[in-house]
């Protein structure tokens, strides 16, 4: 026993452990929170600071000193590590970060995330997450009500891609419940339908669930990126003629690039005629339901069987916050995914075991994603969040009008959402639209300007090709802190960075 004691004592002396020293723990955490407030929050959201401090991978590895060693480090070194991590990370709360479908930093949502991480619990049983089980239920009820449902079910998922995959799995299980036990061998060839503008998770989900990407029938989209219902009808007929069984249509409310909203009423009519599950991927556009002015873009969503909605995007709730909402009231989630693990979901507990929601999902451990949204909603109310949505639309409109006024900027199309897509035409290409290599040369401009802006740290904007169109910029106007001055800066900076091209 004495040798064991000696080993324990030796280990405790070798490691700079804070275990058993609450004063040291508190001192460390206060210092870390101070670094976070100074570096990530104050500097990270200041227009006077860089969006990112770009380093090439090999240099960054050296600066961060990533190697994990046998000996621990001092608290002073650890605080320097924290500063370095923040310093060289991209500041997605920065007003010049337009790169993704998420941006901005809501302080109440961040407070919720800090509490969630501090409590470090899993959202699978009421026993260990009583507050969050009830909170998730209430938040999901509120989201369903905005969709237009007075009842239903739902769950928070680790991202919109997983929400979409769950919808496909639920639709398949509802049609063929035997497949849960007997597997794919019980199924005929299945067909699901989505537009060519859909999120790539539909293809990934078909592969992951064993349906195969060939089961995804790609429906035409019009020039604005919206699914064409007539082609959906035609594709369903073709699939049936080939011996496949149609079972699901995935419509999109807010496509990734153009921000298009599929015509849900017409698509719902097609689904109703053919008895198909209608899923709406509203990961990006779902938050528009909060706006009385703009919610018409999602007319017909109440007819869906399932909806994916990511409040971490336009509402700035913070990653990750992705809800799958169901109109179903038959406990389909639990019947499809449940396995009744007796060590976790005991049926003889001292409380109502219906509150143990963990069997609704494929995961076991599930992080708490409802608190950040709930706390932000408590602080803002419906009205505050509605103003946030309406302001994003108004600023996108302002940006469009400014683009039209400036030489060398060309809209891809008039947006209906907050995705503003345009080309920067540099001085050397202006007036040369008829030259044979014009489009090839124009396509190289966005990548060159992206490199310049990132290396300077002045801003970040995404770009992509699309169909026959060469690379163009996609500015996402979503950060709640944005102003007209930020829109002006964006255009001025593009002109400055591209004046020699």
Protein backbone atom coordinates (compact mmCIF):
# COMPACT_ATOMS: atom_id res chain seq x y z
CA UNK A 1 0.00 0.00 0.00
CA UNK A 2 2.89 2.34 0.77
CA UNK A 3 4.32 1.92 -2.75
CA UNK A 4 0.93 2.84 -4.25
CA UNK A 5 0.83 5.89 -1.99
CA UNK A 6 4.29 6.86 -3.19
CA UNK A 7 3.21 6.59 -6.83
CA UNK A 8 0.17 8.76 -6.18
CA UNK A 9 2.26 11.37 -4.37
CA UNK A 10 4.87 11.38 -7.14
CA UNK A 11 2.22 11.87 -9.82
CA UNK A 12 0.54 14.69 -7.96
CA UNK A 13 3.85 16.51 -7.60
CA UNK A 14 4.77 16.05 -11.27
CA UNK A 15 1.50 17.43 -12.59
CA UNK A 16 0.48 21.08 -12.12
CA UNK A 17 -3.00 19.86 -11.25
CA UNK A 18 -5.65 22.16 -9.82
CA UNK A 19 -7.59 19.28 -8.29
CA UNK A 20 -8.52 20.01 -4.71
CA UNK A 21 -7.49 23.67 -4.91
CA UNK A 22 -10.68 25.69 -5.48
CA UNK A 23 -8.83 28.99 -5.15
CA UNK A 24 -6.47 28.08 -7.99
CA UNK A 25 -9.37 26.78 -10.11
CA UNK A 26 -11.25 30.03 -9.66
CA UNK A 27 -8.18 32.11 -10.41
CA UNK A 28 -7.51 30.19 -13.64
CA UNK A 29 -11.10 30.41 -14.87
CA UNK A 30 -11.41 34.11 -14.08
CA UNK A 31 -8.19 34.70 -15.99
CA UNK A 32 -9.40 32.62 -18.94
CA UNK A 33 -12.77 34.41 -19.01
CA UNK A 34 -10.86 37.69 -18.96
CA UNK A 35 -8.87 36.60 -22.01
CA UNK A 36 -12.07 35.50 -23.76
CA UNK A 37 -13.83 38.82 -23.07
CA UNK A 38 -10.84 40.88 -24.18
CA UNK A 39 -9.67 38.89 -27.18
CA UNK A 40 -12.64 36.93 -28.55
CA UNK A 41 -15.52 39.23 -27.67
CA UNK A 42 -14.29 42.84 -27.55
CA UNK A 43 -11.53 42.61 -30.17
CA UNK A 44 -13.24 39.79 -32.06
CA UNK A 45 -16.32 41.90 -32.76
CA UNK A 46 -14.53 45.22 -33.36
CA UNK A 47 -14.38 46.59 -36.90
CA UNK A 48 -11.00 48.11 -36.03
CA UNK A 49 -9.47 44.64 -35.60
CA UNK A 50 -8.70 41.94 -38.16
CA UNK A 51 -11.21 39.21 -39.03
CA UNK A 52 -8.32 36.78 -39.00
CA UNK A 53 -4.56 36.80 -38.70
CA UNK A 54 -3.64 34.49 -41.55
CA UNK A 55 -0.68 32.13 -41.23
CA UNK A 56 0.40 29.32 -43.52
CA UNK A 57 -0.10 25.87 -41.93
CA UNK A 58 3.54 25.12 -41.15
CA UNK A 59 4.11 28.52 -39.58
CA UNK A 60 0.91 28.24 -37.57
CA UNK A 61 1.94 24.84 -36.21
CA UNK A 62 5.15 26.40 -34.92
CA UNK A 63 3.41 29.43 -33.42
CA UNK A 64 0.86 27.28 -31.59
CA UNK A 65 3.36 24.66 -30.41
CA UNK A 66 0.76 21.91 -30.84
CA UNK A 67 2.88 19.01 -29.58
CA UNK A 68 1.53 17.21 -26.49
CA UNK A 69 4.32 16.35 -24.04
CA UNK A 70 4.80 14.23 -20.94
CA UNK A 71 5.10 17.21 -18.58
CA UNK A 72 2.34 19.71 -17.91
CA UNK A 73 2.77 23.46 -18.26
CA UNK A 74 2.39 26.40 -15.86
CA UNK A 75 -0.83 28.39 -15.66
CA UNK A 76 0.95 31.38 -17.23
CA UNK A 77 1.83 29.24 -20.23
CA UNK A 78 -1.73 27.92 -20.44
CA UNK A 79 -3.12 31.46 -20.53
CA UNK A 80 -0.70 32.27 -23.34
CA UNK A 81 -1.97 29.18 -25.17
CA UNK A 82 -5.53 30.51 -24.80
CA UNK A 83 -4.52 33.90 -26.18
CA UNK A 84 -2.77 32.28 -29.14
CA UNK A 85 -5.75 30.07 -29.96
CA UNK A 86 -8.02 33.12 -30.11
CA UNK A 87 -5.47 35.31 -31.89
CA UNK A 88 -5.05 32.97 -34.86
CA UNK A 89 -8.69 31.88 -35.12
CA UNK A 90 -11.25 33.41 -37.48
CA UNK A 91 -13.54 35.86 -35.66
CA UNK A 92 -16.99 34.85 -36.90
CA UNK A 93 -18.60 37.53 -34.73
CA UNK A 94 -16.71 40.25 -36.61
CA UNK A 95 -18.85 42.69 -38.66
CA UNK A 96 -16.70 41.99 -41.72
CA UNK A 97 -17.21 38.21 -41.64
CA UNK A 98 -19.65 37.44 -44.48
CA UNK A 99 -18.28 34.02 -45.33
CA UNK A 100 -20.81 31.56 -43.89
CA UNK A 101 -24.53 31.25 -43.25
CA UNK A 102 -23.78 31.98 -39.58
CA UNK A 103 -22.14 35.06 -38.11
CA UNK A 104 -22.38 37.50 -35.26
CA UNK A 105 -22.23 37.07 -31.51
CA UNK A 106 -25.36 37.31 -29.38
CA UNK A 107 -24.34 37.89 -25.75
CA UNK A 108 -27.33 36.10 -24.25
CA UNK A 109 -26.81 33.08 -26.47
CA UNK A 110 -23.14 33.06 -25.50
CA UNK A 111 -24.13 33.19 -21.83
CA UNK A 112 -26.30 30.14 -22.46
CA UNK A 113 -23.41 28.32 -24.11
CA UNK A 114 -21.11 29.07 -21.18
CA UNK A 115 -23.68 27.71 -18.71
CA UNK A 116 -24.26 24.63 -20.86
CA UNK A 117 -20.55 23.86 -21.04
CA UNK A 118 -20.10 24.47 -17.33
CA UNK A 119 -22.88 22.08 -16.33
CA UNK A 120 -21.62 19.47 -18.82
CA UNK A 121 -24.67 17.25 -18.87
CA UNK A 122 -26.26 15.08 -21.54
CA UNK A 123 -29.75 15.64 -22.82
CA UNK A 124 -30.92 12.02 -22.70
CA UNK A 125 -32.86 11.67 -19.44
CA UNK A 126 -34.85 13.88 -17.09
CA UNK A 127 -32.82 12.31 -14.32
CA UNK A 128 -29.62 14.17 -15.24
CA UNK A 129 -31.01 17.07 -17.32
CA UNK A 130 -34.36 18.01 -15.74
CA UNK A 131 -34.18 21.71 -16.62
CA UNK A 132 -33.07 21.09 -20.19
CA UNK A 133 -35.57 18.31 -20.97
CA UNK A 134 -38.42 20.67 -20.08
CA UNK A 135 -36.73 23.61 -21.81
CA UNK A 136 -36.17 21.69 -25.05
CA UNK A 137 -39.82 20.67 -25.06
CA UNK A 138 -40.92 24.30 -24.72
CA UNK A 139 -38.51 25.67 -27.33
CA UNK A 140 -39.55 22.99 -29.83
CA UNK A 141 -43.22 23.77 -29.12
CA UNK A 142 -42.54 27.45 -29.92
CA UNK A 143 -40.75 26.58 -33.17
CA UNK A 144 -43.57 24.25 -34.21
CA UNK A 145 -46.14 26.96 -33.53
CA UNK A 146 -44.24 29.30 -35.87
CA UNK A 147 -44.35 26.60 -38.55
CA UNK A 148 -48.11 26.46 -38.01
CA UNK A 149 -48.58 23.27 -35.99
CA UNK A 150 -50.50 23.05 -32.73
CA UNK A 151 -48.97 19.66 -31.86
CA UNK A 152 -46.14 17.39 -32.96
CA UNK A 153 -42.68 16.30 -31.93
CA UNK A 154 -39.06 17.19 -32.52
CA UNK A 155 -35.51 17.07 -31.33
CA UNK A 156 -32.33 19.14 -31.47
CA UNK A 157 -29.76 17.57 -33.79
CA UNK A 158 -26.01 18.11 -34.28
CA UNK A 159 -26.48 20.28 -37.37
CA UNK A 160 -28.89 20.68 -40.27
CA UNK A 161 -27.34 17.83 -42.26
CA UNK A 162 -28.25 15.38 -39.51
CA UNK A 163 -31.74 16.88 -39.25
CA UNK A 164 -32.22 16.21 -42.97
CA UNK A 165 -30.90 12.65 -42.64
CA UNK A 166 -33.27 11.98 -39.72
CA UNK A 167 -36.19 13.12 -41.87
CA UNK A 168 -35.23 10.67 -44.63
CA UNK A 169 -34.87 7.86 -42.09
CA UNK A 170 -38.23 8.64 -40.47
CA UNK A 171 -40.03 8.76 -43.81
CA UNK A 172 -38.55 5.40 -44.78
CA UNK A 173 -39.43 3.85 -41.41
CA UNK A 174 -42.98 5.14 -41.57
CA UNK A 175 -43.43 3.49 -44.99
CA UNK A 176 -41.48 0.31 -44.17
CA UNK A 177 -41.23 -0.20 -40.37
CA UNK A 178 -39.79 -3.72 -40.90
CA UNK A 179 -36.54 -2.21 -42.19
CA UNK A 180 -35.52 -1.29 -38.63
CA UNK A 181 -35.18 -4.98 -37.74
CA UNK A 182 -34.68 -6.70 -41.07
CA UNK A 183 -32.59 -4.07 -42.84
CA UNK A 184 -32.35 -3.00 -46.46
CA UNK A 185 -33.16 -6.45 -47.82
CA UNK A 186 -36.84 -5.86 -47.01
CA UNK A 187 -37.03 -2.74 -49.18
CA UNK A 188 -37.87 -2.24 -52.83
CA UNK A 189 -35.78 0.33 -54.74
CA UNK A 190 -36.75 3.67 -53.21
CA UNK A 191 -36.73 7.16 -54.72
CA UNK A 192 -36.53 10.53 -53.02
CA UNK A 193 -36.77 13.86 -54.78
CA UNK A 194 -35.04 17.18 -54.26
CA UNK A 195 -34.02 20.12 -56.39
CA UNK A 196 -30.63 20.60 -57.98
CA UNK A 197 -30.17 23.52 -55.56
CA UNK A 198 -30.62 21.34 -52.47
CA UNK A 199 -28.06 21.07 -49.69
CA UNK A 200 -25.47 18.35 -50.28
CA UNK A 201 -26.58 16.55 -47.10
CA UNK A 202 -29.46 14.99 -49.04
CA UNK A 203 -27.01 13.08 -51.23
CA UNK A 204 -24.81 12.30 -48.22
CA UNK A 205 -27.82 11.10 -46.25
CA UNK A 206 -28.93 8.76 -49.02
CA UNK A 207 -25.46 7.22 -49.07
CA UNK A 208 -25.22 7.02 -45.27
CA UNK A 209 -28.64 5.39 -44.89
CA UNK A 210 -27.87 2.74 -47.48
CA UNK A 211 -30.30 4.05 -50.08
CA UNK A 212 -27.46 5.04 -52.39
CA UNK A 213 -27.05 8.35 -54.16
CA UNK A 214 -28.78 6.87 -57.22
CA UNK A 215 -32.01 6.92 -55.21
CA UNK A 216 -31.92 10.75 -55.21
CA UNK A 217 -33.86 12.08 -58.19
CA UNK A 218 -32.73 15.63 -58.94
CA UNK A 219 -35.60 17.93 -59.89
CA UNK A 220 -35.05 20.96 -62.10
CA UNK A 221 -34.85 24.42 -60.61
CA UNK A 222 -35.88 27.61 -62.40
CA UNK A 223 -33.58 30.52 -63.17
CA UNK A 224 -34.02 31.83 -59.61
CA UNK A 225 -33.07 28.48 -58.04
CA UNK A 226 -36.57 27.32 -57.07
CA UNK A 227 -37.77 23.75 -57.56
CA UNK A 228 -40.07 23.32 -60.58
CA UNK A 229 -43.19 21.44 -59.36
CA UNK A 230 -44.05 20.26 -62.88
CA UNK A 231 -40.68 18.57 -63.17
CA UNK A 232 -41.18 17.01 -59.73
CA UNK A 233 -44.41 15.46 -61.01
CA UNK A 234 -42.60 14.22 -64.12
CA UNK A 235 -39.71 12.73 -62.10
CA UNK A 236 -42.11 10.86 -59.81
CA UNK A 237 -43.77 9.31 -62.85
CA UNK A 238 -40.40 8.33 -64.31
CA UNK A 239 -39.26 6.74 -61.05
CA UNK A 240 -42.45 4.66 -60.84
CA UNK A 241 -42.09 3.60 -64.47
CA UNK A 242 -38.58 2.35 -63.64
CA UNK A 243 -39.91 0.22 -60.77
CA UNK A 244 -38.83 2.48 -57.90
CA UNK A 245 -41.09 3.49 -55.00
CA UNK A 246 -41.20 7.25 -54.35
CA UNK A 247 -41.37 8.02 -50.62
CA UNK A 248 -40.06 11.54 -49.86
CA UNK A 249 -39.66 15.01 -51.32
CA UNK A 250 -37.16 17.40 -49.74
CA UNK A 251 -37.94 21.02 -50.53
CA UNK A 252 -35.62 23.88 -49.58
CA UNK A 253 -36.48 27.17 -47.89
CA UNK A 254 -33.36 29.25 -48.36
CA UNK A 255 -30.89 27.55 -50.68
CA UNK A 256 -27.23 27.75 -49.77
CA UNK A 257 -25.96 29.89 -52.64
CA UNK A 258 -28.83 31.91 -54.08
CA UNK A 259 -31.08 31.92 -51.00
CA UNK A 260 -34.06 30.62 -52.99
CA UNK A 261 -37.34 29.45 -51.45
CA UNK A 262 -39.07 26.52 -53.14
CA UNK A 263 -42.83 26.92 -53.85
CA UNK A 264 -44.07 24.85 -50.91
CA UNK A 265 -47.81 24.99 -51.63
CA UNK A 266 -47.39 23.56 -55.14
CA UNK A 267 -44.89 20.95 -53.90
CA UNK A 268 -47.25 19.97 -51.06
CA UNK A 269 -50.02 19.46 -53.63
CA UNK A 270 -47.78 17.02 -55.54
CA UNK A 271 -46.86 15.18 -52.31
CA UNK A 272 -50.51 14.95 -51.32
CA UNK A 273 -51.50 13.47 -54.69
CA UNK A 274 -48.78 10.80 -54.48
CA UNK A 275 -48.83 10.12 -50.73
CA UNK A 276 -45.23 11.26 -50.21
CA UNK A 277 -43.56 12.56 -47.07
CA UNK A 278 -42.79 16.28 -47.46
CA UNK A 279 -39.63 17.44 -45.72
CA UNK A 280 -38.66 21.11 -45.78
CA UNK A 281 -34.99 21.92 -45.32
CA UNK A 282 -35.41 25.37 -43.77
CA UNK A 283 -32.06 25.22 -42.00
CA UNK A 284 -31.18 28.61 -43.48
CA UNK A 285 -34.56 30.22 -44.16
CA UNK A 286 -36.66 28.93 -41.25
CA UNK A 287 -36.00 31.97 -39.06
CA UNK A 288 -37.88 34.12 -41.59
CA UNK A 289 -41.04 32.67 -39.98
CA UNK A 290 -40.47 35.17 -37.16
CA UNK A 291 -41.05 38.11 -39.53
CA UNK A 292 -44.61 39.13 -40.33
CA UNK A 293 -43.25 41.05 -43.32
CA UNK A 294 -41.28 38.21 -44.92
CA UNK A 295 -42.79 34.91 -43.69
CA UNK A 296 -44.82 34.63 -46.90
CA UNK A 297 -41.64 33.20 -48.45
CA UNK A 298 -42.45 29.98 -46.56
CA UNK A 299 -46.18 29.83 -47.37
CA UNK A 300 -47.23 26.18 -47.27
CA UNK A 301 -44.63 25.02 -44.74
CA UNK A 302 -47.42 24.04 -42.36
CA UNK A 303 -48.25 21.22 -44.80
CA UNK A 304 -44.85 19.58 -44.32
CA UNK A 305 -44.34 16.35 -42.39
CA UNK A 306 -40.94 17.51 -41.12
CA UNK A 307 -38.91 20.70 -41.04
CA UNK A 308 -35.20 21.30 -40.40
CA UNK A 309 -34.45 24.72 -38.88
CA UNK A 310 -31.08 26.07 -37.70
CA UNK A 311 -31.39 29.00 -35.26
CA UNK A 312 -27.59 29.09 -35.16
CA UNK A 313 -27.70 30.64 -38.61
CA UNK A 314 -29.88 33.73 -39.14
CA UNK A 315 -30.81 34.09 -35.45
CA UNK A 316 -27.13 33.98 -34.35
CA UNK A 317 -27.86 31.53 -31.53
CA UNK A 318 -24.36 30.07 -31.78
CA UNK A 319 -23.15 26.72 -33.05
CA UNK A 320 -24.73 24.37 -32.88
CA UNK A 321 -28.47 24.85 -32.70
CA UNK A 322 -30.43 22.77 -35.20
CA UNK A 323 -33.98 21.58 -34.71
CA UNK A 324 -35.85 18.81 -36.50
CA UNK A 325 -39.58 19.46 -36.17
CA UNK A 326 -42.28 16.87 -36.86
CA UNK A 327 -46.00 17.11 -37.31
CA UNK A 328 -46.25 13.48 -36.15
CA UNK A 329 -47.87 12.73 -32.78
CA UNK A 330 -47.46 8.93 -32.86
CA UNK A 331 -44.00 8.88 -31.20
CA UNK A 332 -42.41 8.11 -34.56
CA UNK A 333 -38.98 9.37 -33.47
CA UNK A 334 -38.79 6.93 -30.57
CA UNK A 335 -40.27 4.02 -32.53
CA UNK A 336 -37.81 4.56 -35.37
CA UNK A 337 -34.65 5.14 -33.32
CA UNK A 338 -35.29 3.65 -29.88
CA UNK A 339 -33.54 0.58 -28.50
CA UNK A 340 -34.70 0.74 -24.83
CA UNK A 341 -31.28 0.40 -23.18
CA UNK A 342 -32.17 -0.95 -19.74
CA UNK A 343 -29.29 0.79 -17.95
CA UNK A 344 -30.43 4.24 -19.12
CA UNK A 345 -34.14 4.12 -19.92
CA UNK A 346 -35.43 2.03 -17.03
CA UNK A 347 -39.22 1.85 -17.08
CA UNK A 348 -39.64 1.66 -13.29
CA UNK A 349 -38.21 5.10 -12.49
CA UNK A 350 -39.76 7.33 -9.85
CA UNK A 351 -40.86 9.95 -12.46
CA UNK A 352 -42.68 9.94 -15.80
CA UNK A 353 -40.30 8.10 -18.14
CA UNK A 354 -41.87 9.84 -21.14
CA UNK A 355 -39.54 12.69 -20.15
CA UNK A 356 -36.52 10.57 -21.09
CA UNK A 357 -36.04 11.76 -24.66
CA UNK A 358 -32.72 10.06 -25.42
CA UNK A 359 -34.29 7.17 -27.33
CA UNK A 360 -35.62 9.58 -29.95
CA UNK A 361 -32.16 9.96 -31.45
CA UNK A 362 -29.39 7.82 -32.89
CA UNK A 363 -26.86 9.29 -30.44
CA UNK A 364 -26.47 8.31 -26.83
CA UNK A 365 -24.75 11.37 -25.38
CA UNK A 366 -26.41 14.52 -26.67
CA UNK A 367 -25.26 18.04 -25.87
CA UNK A 368 -27.70 20.67 -24.63
CA UNK A 369 -28.53 22.96 -27.55
CA UNK A 370 -31.73 24.59 -26.30
CA UNK A 371 -30.43 26.89 -23.53
CA UNK A 372 -28.62 29.38 -25.77
CA UNK A 373 -31.72 29.84 -27.93
CA UNK A 374 -34.08 29.96 -24.95
CA UNK A 375 -32.00 32.57 -23.09
CA UNK A 376 -31.65 34.74 -26.19
CA UNK A 377 -35.39 34.47 -26.88
CA UNK A 378 -36.17 35.37 -23.26
CA UNK A 379 -34.02 38.49 -23.63
CA UNK A 380 -35.21 39.53 -27.10
CA UNK A 381 -38.79 38.30 -27.20
CA UNK A 382 -40.56 37.57 -30.48
CA UNK A 383 -40.41 41.28 -31.32
CA UNK A 384 -36.65 41.61 -30.87
CA UNK A 385 -35.98 38.56 -33.03
CA UNK A 386 -38.42 39.82 -35.67
CA UNK A 387 -36.51 43.13 -35.80
CA UNK A 388 -33.30 41.15 -36.25
CA UNK A 389 -34.73 39.36 -39.31
CA UNK A 390 -36.23 42.51 -40.81
CA UNK A 391 -32.97 44.41 -40.33
CA UNK A 392 -31.04 41.70 -42.20
CA UNK A 393 -33.45 41.98 -45.14
CA UNK A 394 -33.20 45.78 -45.09
CA UNK A 395 -29.39 45.75 -45.06
CA UNK A 396 -29.29 43.20 -47.89
CA UNK A 397 -31.55 45.55 -49.86
CA UNK A 398 -29.24 48.48 -49.09
CA UNK A 399 -26.24 46.48 -50.32
CA UNK A 400 -28.04 45.59 -53.57
CA UNK A 401 -28.89 49.23 -54.27
CA UNK A 402 -25.28 50.28 -53.60
CA UNK A 403 -23.98 47.56 -55.94
CA UNK A 404 -26.21 48.93 -58.70
CA UNK A 405 -24.70 52.41 -58.30
CA UNK A 406 -21.07 51.34 -58.67
CA UNK A 407 -19.07 50.64 -61.80
CA UNK A 408 -17.52 47.19 -61.88
CA UNK A 409 -20.11 45.46 -59.71
CA UNK A 410 -22.68 43.20 -61.36
CA UNK A 411 -25.51 41.37 -59.60
CA UNK A 412 -25.99 37.70 -60.40
CA UNK A 413 -29.70 38.21 -59.75
CA UNK A 414 -32.05 40.22 -57.56
CA UNK A 415 -32.06 38.40 -54.22
CA UNK A 416 -35.21 37.51 -52.35
CA UNK A 417 -33.31 36.70 -49.16
CA UNK A 418 -30.08 37.91 -47.50
CA UNK A 419 -27.70 36.09 -49.88
CA UNK A 420 -26.37 38.85 -52.15
CA UNK A 421 -24.54 37.36 -55.14
CA UNK A 422 -22.45 39.49 -57.49
CA UNK A 423 -19.30 39.75 -59.58
CA UNK A 424 -16.54 42.27 -59.07
CA UNK A 425 -15.41 43.20 -62.57
CA UNK A 426 -11.88 44.65 -62.30
CA UNK A 427 -10.82 47.68 -64.36
CA UNK A 428 -9.00 45.51 -66.95
CA UNK A 429 -12.20 43.62 -67.82
CA UNK A 430 -14.73 46.45 -67.86
CA UNK A 431 -16.36 46.87 -71.24
CA UNK A 432 -14.77 43.62 -72.51
CA UNK A 433 -17.82 41.36 -72.10
CA UNK A 434 -17.62 40.35 -75.76
CA UNK A 435 -14.03 39.10 -75.63
CA UNK A 436 -13.79 35.28 -75.92
CA UNK A 437 -11.90 34.78 -72.66
CA UNK A 438 -13.95 37.28 -70.60
CA UNK A 439 -15.81 34.74 -68.45
CA UNK A 440 -12.69 32.64 -67.88
CA UNK A 441 -10.77 35.70 -66.69
CA UNK A 442 -13.66 36.99 -64.59
CA UNK A 443 -13.89 33.61 -62.85
CA UNK A 444 -10.32 34.07 -61.54
CA UNK A 445 -11.08 37.43 -59.90
CA UNK A 446 -13.03 36.27 -56.83
CA UNK A 447 -10.38 33.72 -55.72
CA UNK A 448 -7.64 36.34 -56.09
CA UNK A 449 -9.57 38.93 -54.08
CA UNK A 450 -10.46 36.31 -51.46
CA UNK A 451 -6.76 35.57 -50.96
CA UNK A 452 -5.94 39.25 -50.61
CA UNK A 453 -8.71 40.03 -48.11
CA UNK A 454 -7.95 36.99 -45.95
CA UNK A 455 -4.19 37.65 -45.87
CA UNK A 456 -4.84 41.28 -44.94
CA UNK A 457 -7.48 40.19 -42.45
CA UNK A 458 -9.84 42.95 -43.58
CA UNK A 459 -12.88 40.76 -44.31
CA UNK A 460 -14.05 37.34 -45.45
CA UNK A 461 -16.56 36.72 -48.24
CA UNK A 462 -17.42 33.37 -49.78
CA UNK A 463 -17.35 32.71 -53.51
CA UNK A 464 -18.35 29.83 -55.77
CA UNK A 465 -19.22 28.89 -59.34
CA UNK A 466 -22.85 28.04 -59.97
CA UNK A 467 -24.13 26.09 -62.95
CA UNK A 468 -22.68 27.75 -66.05
CA UNK A 469 -21.74 30.89 -64.08
CA UNK A 470 -18.10 31.45 -63.17
CA UNK A 471 -16.98 32.32 -59.63
CA UNK A 472 -18.93 35.11 -57.96
CA UNK A 473 -19.10 36.48 -54.43
CA UNK A 474 -21.91 35.52 -52.06
CA UNK A 475 -22.26 38.03 -49.23
CA UNK A 476 -24.35 36.72 -46.35
CA UNK A 477 -26.00 39.62 -44.52
CA UNK A 478 -26.82 37.97 -41.19
CA UNK A 479 -24.78 39.45 -38.34
CA UNK A 480 -27.20 41.37 -36.05
CA UNK A 481 -24.52 44.02 -35.43
CA UNK A 482 -24.17 45.02 -39.10
CA UNK A 483 -24.81 48.59 -40.25
CA UNK A 484 -24.91 50.41 -43.58
CA UNK A 485 -21.31 51.49 -42.88
CA UNK A 486 -20.25 47.82 -42.97
CA UNK A 487 -21.93 47.40 -46.36
CA UNK A 488 -20.11 50.50 -47.65
CA UNK A 489 -16.79 49.20 -46.27
CA UNK A 490 -17.29 45.86 -48.02
CA UNK A 491 -17.71 47.45 -51.44
CA UNK A 492 -14.95 50.03 -50.89
CA UNK A 493 -12.56 47.28 -49.78
CA UNK A 494 -13.31 45.16 -52.87
CA UNK A 495 -12.56 48.17 -55.04
CA UNK A 496 -9.32 48.85 -53.16
CA UNK A 497 -8.16 45.24 -53.30
CA UNK A 498 -9.05 44.86 -56.98
CA UNK A 499 -8.00 48.19 -58.44
CA UNK A 500 -4.84 46.77 -60.05
CA UNK A 501 -6.49 43.70 -61.62
